[in-house]
Protein backbone atom coordinates (compact mmCIF):
# COMPACT_ATOMS: atom_id res chain seq x y z
CA UNK A 1 36.93 4.14 60.31
CA UNK A 2 34.93 1.52 58.47
CA UNK A 3 36.98 -1.29 56.99
CA UNK A 4 34.28 -2.96 54.91
CA UNK A 5 34.68 -0.53 52.01
CA UNK A 6 37.01 -0.84 49.05
CA UNK A 7 38.27 2.06 46.95
CA UNK A 8 40.54 2.15 43.90
CA UNK A 9 42.03 5.59 43.22
CA UNK A 10 43.48 6.14 39.73
CA UNK A 11 45.53 9.23 38.89
CA UNK A 12 45.50 9.20 35.08
CA UNK A 13 47.76 12.19 34.75
CA UNK A 14 46.70 15.20 32.65
CA UNK A 15 44.38 13.42 30.21
CA UNK A 16 42.15 15.69 28.15
CA UNK A 17 38.48 14.70 28.56
CA UNK A 18 37.30 16.14 25.24
CA UNK A 19 40.11 14.41 23.38
CA UNK A 20 39.19 11.07 24.94
CA UNK A 21 35.52 11.63 24.03
CA UNK A 22 36.53 12.30 20.45
CA UNK A 23 38.58 9.08 20.29
CA UNK A 24 35.97 6.92 22.01
CA UNK A 25 33.39 7.94 19.42
CA UNK A 26 35.70 7.74 16.40
CA UNK A 27 37.10 4.30 17.26
CA UNK A 28 34.02 2.95 19.11
CA UNK A 29 35.85 2.19 22.36
CA UNK A 30 33.51 0.52 24.84
CA UNK A 31 35.71 0.96 27.93
CA UNK A 32 36.01 4.72 27.53
CA UNK A 33 32.31 5.01 26.71
CA UNK A 34 31.50 3.15 29.93
CA UNK A 35 33.76 5.47 31.92
CA UNK A 36 31.99 8.54 30.51
CA UNK A 37 28.69 7.24 31.94
CA UNK A 38 30.13 7.58 35.45
CA UNK A 39 29.31 10.54 37.63
CA UNK A 40 31.78 13.39 37.16
CA UNK A 41 32.79 16.69 38.67
CA UNK A 42 35.19 19.43 37.57
CA UNK A 43 38.32 20.29 39.52
CA UNK A 44 40.73 23.20 39.59
CA UNK A 45 44.00 24.20 41.22
CA UNK A 46 45.09 27.59 42.50
CA UNK A 47 48.55 26.96 41.06
CA UNK A 48 48.90 28.65 37.67
CA UNK A 49 52.56 28.57 36.61
CA UNK A 50 53.93 25.66 34.60
CA UNK A 51 57.56 24.82 35.47
CA UNK A 52 56.98 26.17 38.96
CA UNK A 53 53.85 24.80 40.65
CA UNK A 54 51.46 23.69 37.88
CA UNK A 55 53.30 20.42 37.35
CA UNK A 56 52.44 16.79 38.21
CA UNK A 57 55.21 16.36 40.79
CA UNK A 58 53.66 19.31 42.68
CA UNK A 59 49.96 18.59 42.17
CA UNK A 60 50.33 14.92 43.04
CA UNK A 61 51.71 15.88 46.46
CA UNK A 62 48.91 18.42 46.92
CA UNK A 63 46.26 15.82 46.13
CA UNK A 64 47.77 13.17 48.40
CA UNK A 65 48.29 15.51 51.37
CA UNK A 66 45.29 17.82 50.94
CA UNK A 67 47.69 20.77 51.18
CA UNK A 68 48.35 23.60 48.75
CA UNK A 69 51.82 23.80 47.23
CA UNK A 70 52.74 26.91 49.22
CA UNK A 71 52.22 24.85 52.40
CA UNK A 72 53.84 21.51 51.52
CA UNK A 73 56.63 23.29 49.60
CA UNK A 74 57.46 20.46 47.19
CA UNK A 75 58.16 22.18 43.86
CA UNK A 76 60.79 19.99 42.21
CA UNK A 77 60.75 16.41 41.04
CA UNK A 78 62.51 13.99 43.42
CA UNK A 79 61.97 16.35 46.37
CA UNK A 80 61.27 14.91 49.80
CA UNK A 81 58.04 15.78 51.58
CA UNK A 82 58.50 17.12 55.10
CA UNK A 83 57.96 14.50 57.80
CA UNK A 84 55.35 16.69 59.49
CA UNK A 85 52.91 16.18 56.59
CA UNK A 86 50.94 12.95 56.24
CA UNK A 87 49.77 11.46 52.94
CA UNK A 88 46.35 9.87 52.52
CA UNK A 89 47.73 6.33 52.83
CA UNK A 90 49.60 7.28 56.03
CA UNK A 91 46.35 8.39 57.63
CA UNK A 92 44.30 5.42 56.43
CA UNK A 93 46.90 2.82 57.38
CA UNK A 94 47.11 4.35 60.87
CA UNK A 95 43.38 3.63 61.10
CA UNK A 96 44.02 -0.01 60.14
CA UNK A 97 42.79 0.44 56.58
CA UNK A 98 44.82 -1.88 54.35
CA UNK A 99 46.54 0.20 51.64
CA UNK A 100 48.74 -0.23 48.58
CA UNK A 101 50.32 2.57 46.53
CA UNK A 102 52.02 2.53 43.13
CA UNK A 103 53.85 5.40 41.44
CA UNK A 104 52.70 8.63 43.15
CA UNK A 105 55.06 11.46 42.19
CA UNK A 106 57.20 12.59 45.14
CA UNK A 107 55.42 10.08 47.35
CA UNK A 108 57.14 9.01 50.56
CA UNK A 109 57.11 5.65 52.33
CA UNK A 110 56.47 5.43 56.07
CA UNK A 111 56.42 1.94 57.49
CA UNK A 112 53.07 0.66 58.69
CA UNK A 113 51.85 -2.93 58.87
CA UNK A 114 48.68 -1.90 57.03
CA UNK A 115 50.59 -0.36 54.12
CA UNK A 116 51.11 -3.60 52.22
CA UNK A 117 53.19 -2.24 49.35
CA UNK A 118 54.68 1.05 48.18
CA UNK A 119 56.25 1.61 44.76
CA UNK A 120 57.62 5.13 44.03
CA UNK A 121 57.67 7.08 40.77
CA UNK A 122 60.69 6.44 38.49
CA UNK A 123 62.42 9.70 39.49
CA UNK A 124 62.21 9.07 43.22
CA UNK A 125 65.37 7.86 44.97
CA UNK A 126 64.57 9.36 48.36
CA UNK A 127 62.21 6.68 49.58
CA UNK A 128 62.12 2.92 50.01
CA UNK A 129 60.39 0.38 47.80
CA UNK A 130 58.31 -1.97 49.90
CA UNK A 131 58.42 -4.91 49.94
CA UNK A 132 61.99 -5.24 48.64
CA UNK A 133 61.13 -7.84 46.01
CA UNK A 134 59.30 -5.15 44.01
CA UNK A 135 62.65 -3.43 43.40
CA UNK A 136 63.22 -5.67 40.36
CA UNK A 137 60.38 -3.83 38.60
CA UNK A 138 61.90 -0.40 39.33
CA UNK A 139 65.18 -0.43 37.38
CA UNK A 140 63.79 -0.39 33.84
CA UNK A 141 61.15 2.37 34.23
CA UNK A 142 63.59 4.42 36.31
CA UNK A 143 66.37 4.15 33.74
CA UNK A 144 64.05 4.89 30.83
CA UNK A 145 62.27 7.81 32.50
CA UNK A 146 65.56 9.56 33.25
CA UNK A 147 67.41 8.72 30.04
CA UNK A 148 64.78 8.58 27.32
CA UNK A 149 66.44 11.45 25.43
CA UNK A 150 69.64 9.40 25.07
CA UNK A 151 69.12 5.69 25.63
CA UNK A 152 72.12 3.38 25.82
CA UNK A 153 70.90 0.43 23.76
CA UNK A 154 73.00 -2.15 25.60
CA UNK A 155 71.86 -0.94 29.04
CA UNK A 156 68.26 -0.74 27.88
CA UNK A 157 68.39 -4.29 26.48
CA UNK A 158 69.87 -5.68 29.71
CA UNK A 159 67.28 -3.96 31.90
CA UNK A 160 64.43 -4.97 29.60
CA UNK A 161 65.59 -8.59 29.75
CA UNK A 162 65.71 -8.50 33.56
CA UNK A 163 62.26 -6.86 33.65
CA UNK A 164 60.73 -9.51 31.38
CA UNK A 165 62.38 -12.31 33.37
CA UNK A 166 60.89 -10.84 36.55
CA UNK A 167 57.47 -10.93 34.89
CA UNK A 168 58.13 -14.48 33.67
CA UNK A 169 58.63 -15.74 37.22
CA UNK A 170 55.36 -14.25 38.40
CA UNK A 171 51.79 -14.90 37.35
CA UNK A 172 51.87 -11.59 35.44
CA UNK A 173 53.60 -13.34 32.56
CA UNK A 174 50.35 -14.88 31.32
CA UNK A 175 48.82 -11.44 30.85
CA UNK A 176 51.84 -10.38 28.83
CA UNK A 177 51.62 -13.48 26.60
CA UNK A 178 47.87 -13.04 26.17
CA UNK A 179 48.40 -9.49 24.89
CA UNK A 180 51.62 -10.16 23.01
CA UNK A 181 50.00 -9.95 19.56
CA UNK A 182 48.43 -6.60 20.45
CA UNK A 183 51.76 -5.18 21.65
CA UNK A 184 53.75 -6.71 18.79
CA UNK A 185 51.49 -5.26 16.08
CA UNK A 186 51.92 -1.72 17.41
CA UNK A 187 55.70 -2.03 17.74
CA UNK A 188 55.96 -3.67 14.32
CA UNK A 189 54.18 -0.77 12.60
CA UNK A 190 55.58 2.09 14.72
CA UNK A 191 58.89 0.83 16.02
CA UNK A 192 59.99 1.60 19.59
CA UNK A 193 58.41 5.02 19.77
CA UNK A 194 58.81 6.70 23.16
CA UNK A 195 55.06 7.02 23.72
CA UNK A 196 54.58 3.30 23.01
CA UNK A 197 57.19 2.32 25.59
CA UNK A 198 55.59 4.60 28.20
CA UNK A 199 52.19 3.03 27.51
CA UNK A 200 53.50 -0.53 27.59
CA UNK A 201 55.20 0.06 30.93
CA UNK A 202 51.97 1.49 32.34
CA UNK A 203 49.89 -1.41 31.06
CA UNK A 204 52.26 -4.06 32.39
CA UNK A 205 52.67 -2.39 35.78
CA UNK A 206 48.88 -1.94 36.04
CA UNK A 207 48.55 -5.71 35.85
CA UNK A 208 51.23 -6.19 38.52
CA UNK A 209 49.52 -3.60 40.70
CA UNK A 210 46.04 -5.16 40.43
CA UNK A 211 47.43 -8.60 41.24
CA UNK A 212 48.87 -7.16 44.45
CA UNK A 213 45.61 -5.38 45.30
CA UNK A 214 43.77 -8.68 44.98
CA UNK A 215 46.46 -10.66 46.81
CA UNK A 216 46.41 -8.41 49.89
CA UNK A 217 42.62 -7.80 49.74
CA UNK A 218 43.21 -4.07 50.05
CA UNK A 219 40.69 -1.53 51.24
CA UNK A 220 42.43 1.42 49.58
CA UNK A 221 44.73 1.27 46.58
CA UNK A 222 46.18 4.03 44.41
CA UNK A 223 48.09 4.09 41.12
CA UNK A 224 49.58 6.89 38.99
CA UNK A 225 50.00 6.82 35.17
CA UNK A 226 51.94 9.27 33.02
CA UNK A 227 51.70 7.75 29.52
CA UNK A 228 48.70 9.82 28.38
CA UNK A 229 50.32 13.06 29.50
CA UNK A 230 53.54 12.17 27.67
CA UNK A 231 51.70 11.52 24.39
CA UNK A 232 49.72 14.76 24.57
CA UNK A 233 52.86 16.78 25.28
CA UNK A 234 54.75 15.30 22.34
CA UNK A 235 52.38 13.79 19.76
CA UNK A 236 49.00 15.47 20.11
CA UNK A 237 48.93 16.75 16.53
CA UNK A 238 50.25 13.56 14.92
CA UNK A 239 47.07 12.10 13.43
CA UNK A 240 48.89 8.97 12.25
CA UNK A 241 49.57 8.05 15.90
CA UNK A 242 46.26 8.98 17.52
CA UNK A 243 44.76 5.52 17.03
CA UNK A 244 47.61 4.04 19.10
CA UNK A 245 46.91 6.53 21.88
CA UNK A 246 43.23 5.65 22.08
CA UNK A 247 43.66 1.88 21.77
CA UNK A 248 46.38 1.82 24.43
CA UNK A 249 44.31 4.04 26.72
CA UNK A 250 41.35 1.73 26.14
CA UNK A 251 43.49 -1.19 27.36
CA UNK A 252 44.15 0.64 30.61
CA UNK A 253 40.53 1.68 31.14
CA UNK A 254 39.08 -1.75 30.33
CA UNK A 255 41.46 -3.42 32.76
CA UNK A 256 40.50 -0.98 35.53
CA UNK A 257 36.74 -1.22 34.93
CA UNK A 258 36.78 -5.02 34.72
CA UNK A 259 38.71 -5.22 37.98
CA UNK A 260 36.47 -2.82 39.91
CA UNK A 261 33.37 -4.65 38.70
CA UNK A 262 34.66 -8.14 39.45
CA UNK A 263 36.16 -7.24 42.83
CA UNK A 264 33.37 -4.84 43.84
CA UNK A 265 35.54 -1.72 44.25
CA UNK A 266 34.38 1.86 44.24
CA UNK A 267 36.41 3.85 41.74
CA UNK A 268 37.61 7.43 41.63
CA UNK A 269 39.60 8.35 38.51
CA UNK A 270 41.05 11.82 37.97
CA UNK A 271 43.66 13.72 35.97
CA UNK A 272 44.89 16.16 38.65
CA UNK A 273 44.75 18.84 35.96
CA UNK A 274 44.65 18.72 32.19
CA UNK A 275 46.46 20.12 29.16
CA UNK A 276 45.50 22.36 26.29
CA UNK A 277 46.94 22.30 22.80
CA UNK A 278 49.71 24.74 22.08
CA UNK A 279 52.71 24.33 19.79
CA UNK A 280 56.00 25.53 21.22
CA UNK A 281 59.66 24.61 20.90
CA UNK A 282 61.49 23.53 24.03
CA UNK A 283 65.21 23.78 24.61
CA UNK A 284 66.60 20.53 25.98
CA UNK A 285 69.98 18.90 26.64
CA UNK A 286 70.38 15.69 24.67
CA UNK A 287 73.05 14.19 26.94
CA UNK A 288 73.41 16.09 30.19
CA UNK A 289 76.28 13.92 31.48
CA UNK A 290 78.49 14.64 28.48
CA UNK A 291 77.48 18.30 28.38
CA UNK A 292 78.45 18.95 32.00
CA UNK A 293 81.76 17.15 31.61
CA UNK A 294 82.64 19.06 28.43
CA UNK A 295 81.98 22.47 30.00
CA UNK A 296 84.25 21.51 32.92
CA UNK A 297 81.75 20.51 35.64
CA UNK A 298 83.13 17.76 37.87
CA UNK A 299 80.54 15.84 39.85
CA UNK A 300 79.96 12.65 41.78
CA UNK A 301 76.47 11.77 40.56
CA UNK A 302 73.60 13.17 38.52
CA UNK A 303 69.84 12.63 38.80
CA UNK A 304 67.78 14.01 35.92
CA UNK A 305 64.18 15.17 36.10
CA UNK A 306 61.59 14.79 33.35
CA UNK A 307 61.93 18.34 32.02
CA UNK A 308 64.94 20.66 31.97
CA UNK A 309 67.13 19.93 34.98
CA UNK A 310 67.90 17.73 37.94
CA UNK A 311 70.20 17.21 40.93
CA UNK A 312 74.00 17.25 40.86
CA UNK A 313 76.01 15.65 43.70
CA UNK A 314 79.62 16.57 44.44
CA UNK A 315 82.49 15.03 46.40
CA UNK A 316 83.24 18.21 48.32
CA UNK A 317 82.34 21.89 48.69
CA UNK A 318 85.27 23.13 46.58
CA UNK A 319 84.21 20.99 43.64
CA UNK A 320 80.61 22.17 44.06
CA UNK A 321 81.47 25.89 44.19
CA UNK A 322 83.61 25.71 41.04
CA UNK A 323 80.86 23.88 39.21
CA UNK A 324 78.22 26.38 40.32
CA UNK A 325 80.29 29.22 38.92
CA UNK A 326 80.64 27.42 35.60
CA UNK A 327 76.89 26.77 35.38
CA UNK A 328 75.81 30.24 36.47
CA UNK A 329 78.16 31.93 34.01
CA UNK A 330 77.40 29.69 31.05
CA UNK A 331 75.79 32.00 28.47
CA UNK A 332 74.53 31.38 24.97
CA UNK A 333 73.94 34.33 22.64
CA UNK A 334 73.90 36.65 25.61
CA UNK A 335 71.49 34.57 27.68
CA UNK A 336 72.46 32.81 30.91
CA UNK A 337 71.41 29.20 30.38
CA UNK A 338 71.15 27.78 33.91
CA UNK A 339 69.50 28.55 37.22
CA UNK A 340 71.21 26.87 40.21
CA UNK A 341 70.01 26.39 43.81
CA UNK A 342 72.21 25.00 46.59
CA UNK A 343 70.29 22.37 48.58
CA UNK A 344 72.94 20.86 50.88
CA UNK A 345 76.70 21.19 51.32
CA UNK A 346 77.38 18.82 48.40
CA UNK A 347 74.19 18.95 46.34
CA UNK A 348 72.55 21.45 43.97
CA UNK A 349 69.40 21.60 41.90
CA UNK A 350 69.79 23.05 38.42
CA UNK A 351 67.46 23.72 35.54
CA UNK A 352 67.59 25.51 32.23
CA UNK A 353 66.68 29.08 33.09
CA UNK A 354 63.05 29.63 32.10
CA UNK A 355 63.46 33.24 30.95
CA UNK A 356 66.60 32.48 28.98
CA UNK A 357 64.96 29.41 27.51
CA UNK A 358 61.98 31.41 26.31
CA UNK A 359 64.24 34.04 24.76
CA UNK A 360 66.26 31.34 23.06
CA UNK A 361 63.07 29.71 21.82
CA UNK A 362 62.11 32.96 20.11
CA UNK A 363 65.60 33.19 18.63
CA UNK A 364 65.86 29.53 17.67
CA UNK A 365 65.40 30.19 13.94
CA UNK A 366 68.43 32.45 14.05
CA UNK A 367 70.71 30.33 16.20
CA UNK A 368 72.41 28.64 13.27
CA UNK A 369 72.59 31.92 11.38
CA UNK A 370 76.25 33.03 11.17
CA UNK A 371 75.39 36.74 11.38
CA UNK A 372 73.35 36.17 14.56
CA UNK A 373 76.22 34.10 15.95
CA UNK A 374 78.83 36.80 15.25
CA UNK A 375 76.66 39.51 16.85
CA UNK A 376 76.62 37.68 20.17
CA UNK A 377 80.03 36.03 20.11
CA UNK A 378 81.83 38.97 21.75
CA UNK A 379 79.17 39.28 24.45
CA UNK A 380 79.41 35.60 25.37
CA UNK A 381 83.21 35.67 25.41
CA UNK A 382 83.14 38.67 27.72
CA UNK A 383 80.87 36.86 30.16
CA UNK A 384 82.61 33.51 29.84
CA UNK A 385 86.08 33.64 28.16
CA UNK A 386 86.34 29.84 28.10
CA UNK A 387 83.01 29.29 26.38
CA UNK A 388 83.07 26.68 23.63
CA UNK A 389 79.99 27.28 21.48
CA UNK A 390 80.39 23.91 19.76
CA UNK A 391 79.55 22.19 23.06
CA UNK A 392 76.19 23.96 23.02
CA UNK A 393 75.45 22.93 19.43
CA UNK A 394 76.53 19.32 20.05
CA UNK A 395 74.36 18.74 23.11
CA UNK A 396 71.35 21.01 22.77
CA UNK A 397 68.15 20.46 20.81
CA UNK A 398 64.87 22.26 20.26
CA UNK A 399 61.98 19.80 20.40
CA UNK A 400 58.38 20.51 19.48
CA UNK A 401 55.88 20.36 22.33
CA UNK A 402 52.19 20.11 21.46
CA UNK A 403 50.59 21.18 24.75
CA UNK A 404 50.86 23.21 27.93
CA UNK A 405 49.35 22.64 31.36
CA UNK A 406 45.91 23.90 32.31
CA UNK A 407 44.63 24.51 35.86
CA UNK A 408 41.32 22.69 35.17
CA UNK A 409 40.66 18.99 35.70
CA UNK A 410 37.98 16.32 36.09
CA UNK A 411 37.02 13.40 38.33
CA UNK A 412 35.02 10.31 37.34
CA UNK A 413 33.46 8.25 40.12
CA UNK A 414 31.01 5.37 40.43
CA UNK A 415 29.76 5.95 43.97
CA UNK A 416 27.20 8.72 44.42
CA UNK A 417 28.18 9.10 48.09
CA UNK A 418 31.42 10.84 47.13
CA UNK A 419 29.79 14.19 46.41
CA UNK A 420 26.74 16.21 47.32
CA UNK A 421 24.49 16.77 44.28
CA UNK A 422 24.86 20.52 44.73
CA UNK A 423 28.64 20.51 44.24
CA UNK A 424 29.69 21.29 40.67
CA UNK A 425 33.41 22.00 41.10
CA UNK A 426 36.08 21.40 43.75
CA UNK A 427 39.74 22.21 44.26
CA UNK A 428 41.85 19.14 43.46
CA UNK A 429 43.36 19.04 46.97
CA UNK A 430 39.85 18.11 48.20
CA UNK A 431 40.34 14.63 46.73
CA UNK A 432 42.25 13.98 49.96
CA UNK A 433 39.18 14.76 52.10
CA UNK A 434 36.87 12.80 49.78
CA UNK A 435 39.03 9.72 50.16
CA UNK A 436 39.28 10.10 53.92
CA UNK A 437 35.55 10.64 54.35
CA UNK A 438 34.78 7.63 52.13
CA UNK A 439 36.06 5.38 54.91
CA UNK A 440 34.43 7.38 57.69
CA UNK A 441 30.82 7.31 56.48
């Protein structure tokens, strides 16, 4: 493989191309307008079912291994990829291509002297952070990503302080100071909105990432962002916030384009798949820890995913079996709330049952209605005599979602050698082969 080529791969998760075009024109954003002048090609995935395989923690693995989801088998967040499958950076580093990777969902670290750094996604506890000194940047995004529905202010303050101190003692602090007015103005007018915090973390970590790319003089580097996807899922119809979305996205794009131009990197930027607007109400636990304890589930540890479930660890098999029975038999208005899968002798994966969730969504207007409650009270008591309905009301919420996943996507690239002129559309898993062939030509 040729080592005199440099490629920056950016997975800007789920962004909507037409929405970005609209914002670039409305707010006259030069970085986005420059990106749109790049060559582009459409992508698609054969996976069609959101909450099963059409999700970023599945598609990211597919893109990085070149394998369809039915082959690699990774369908849940924080799932470990089988050791028999190699990721793109594993293959390149074996060929003595210097690599660095930041934030790929369900990515896995395998030691190689040519893999100069590896930083996992905030939900990933199954792999190492390399080198170890990067761990100081992991605690805050990991805590926030898994607890953003119920943040402990004291814990969040402590972790934020440690995060900022870590930045202070690196040369990344000057970037933060330089952009302080920009960040402060947004937070002053909006407060600590969730989408703002996601964007700020992405912008700060992008700067850390690019410093490392430059430091190690990498041939191949990859980074994953989720802030755009989060905004579209939760705030797409909020016109009063759209300017924030576009200006924060512009910050990311400008930083990337300036770097690739100054350091002479080829760039491939893609969304994996996109979203389409659709209003729906999603059932979600506000505080999963308290909820599980109050319904009688005893557990050793809990790892939450970014949607409707996570992993529960137990001290022993007896404790696990009792808890599984409680979860499987927990019903609300005649609907079983949880789906549970045993993974190991002391570990289960649970999620809010999709079918029950959809039925509850349709019934959500009636849930507080006393007549509706009385009609289903006997049924729930028959299924679960110890059911305390107040626990459900105290810990459950219906939140408005403004989008769903689509199986279509797009790639922007600045090197015409990536694609034949005759190709108009590719499956997103082909990004793996494109990257590999880039260093072979």
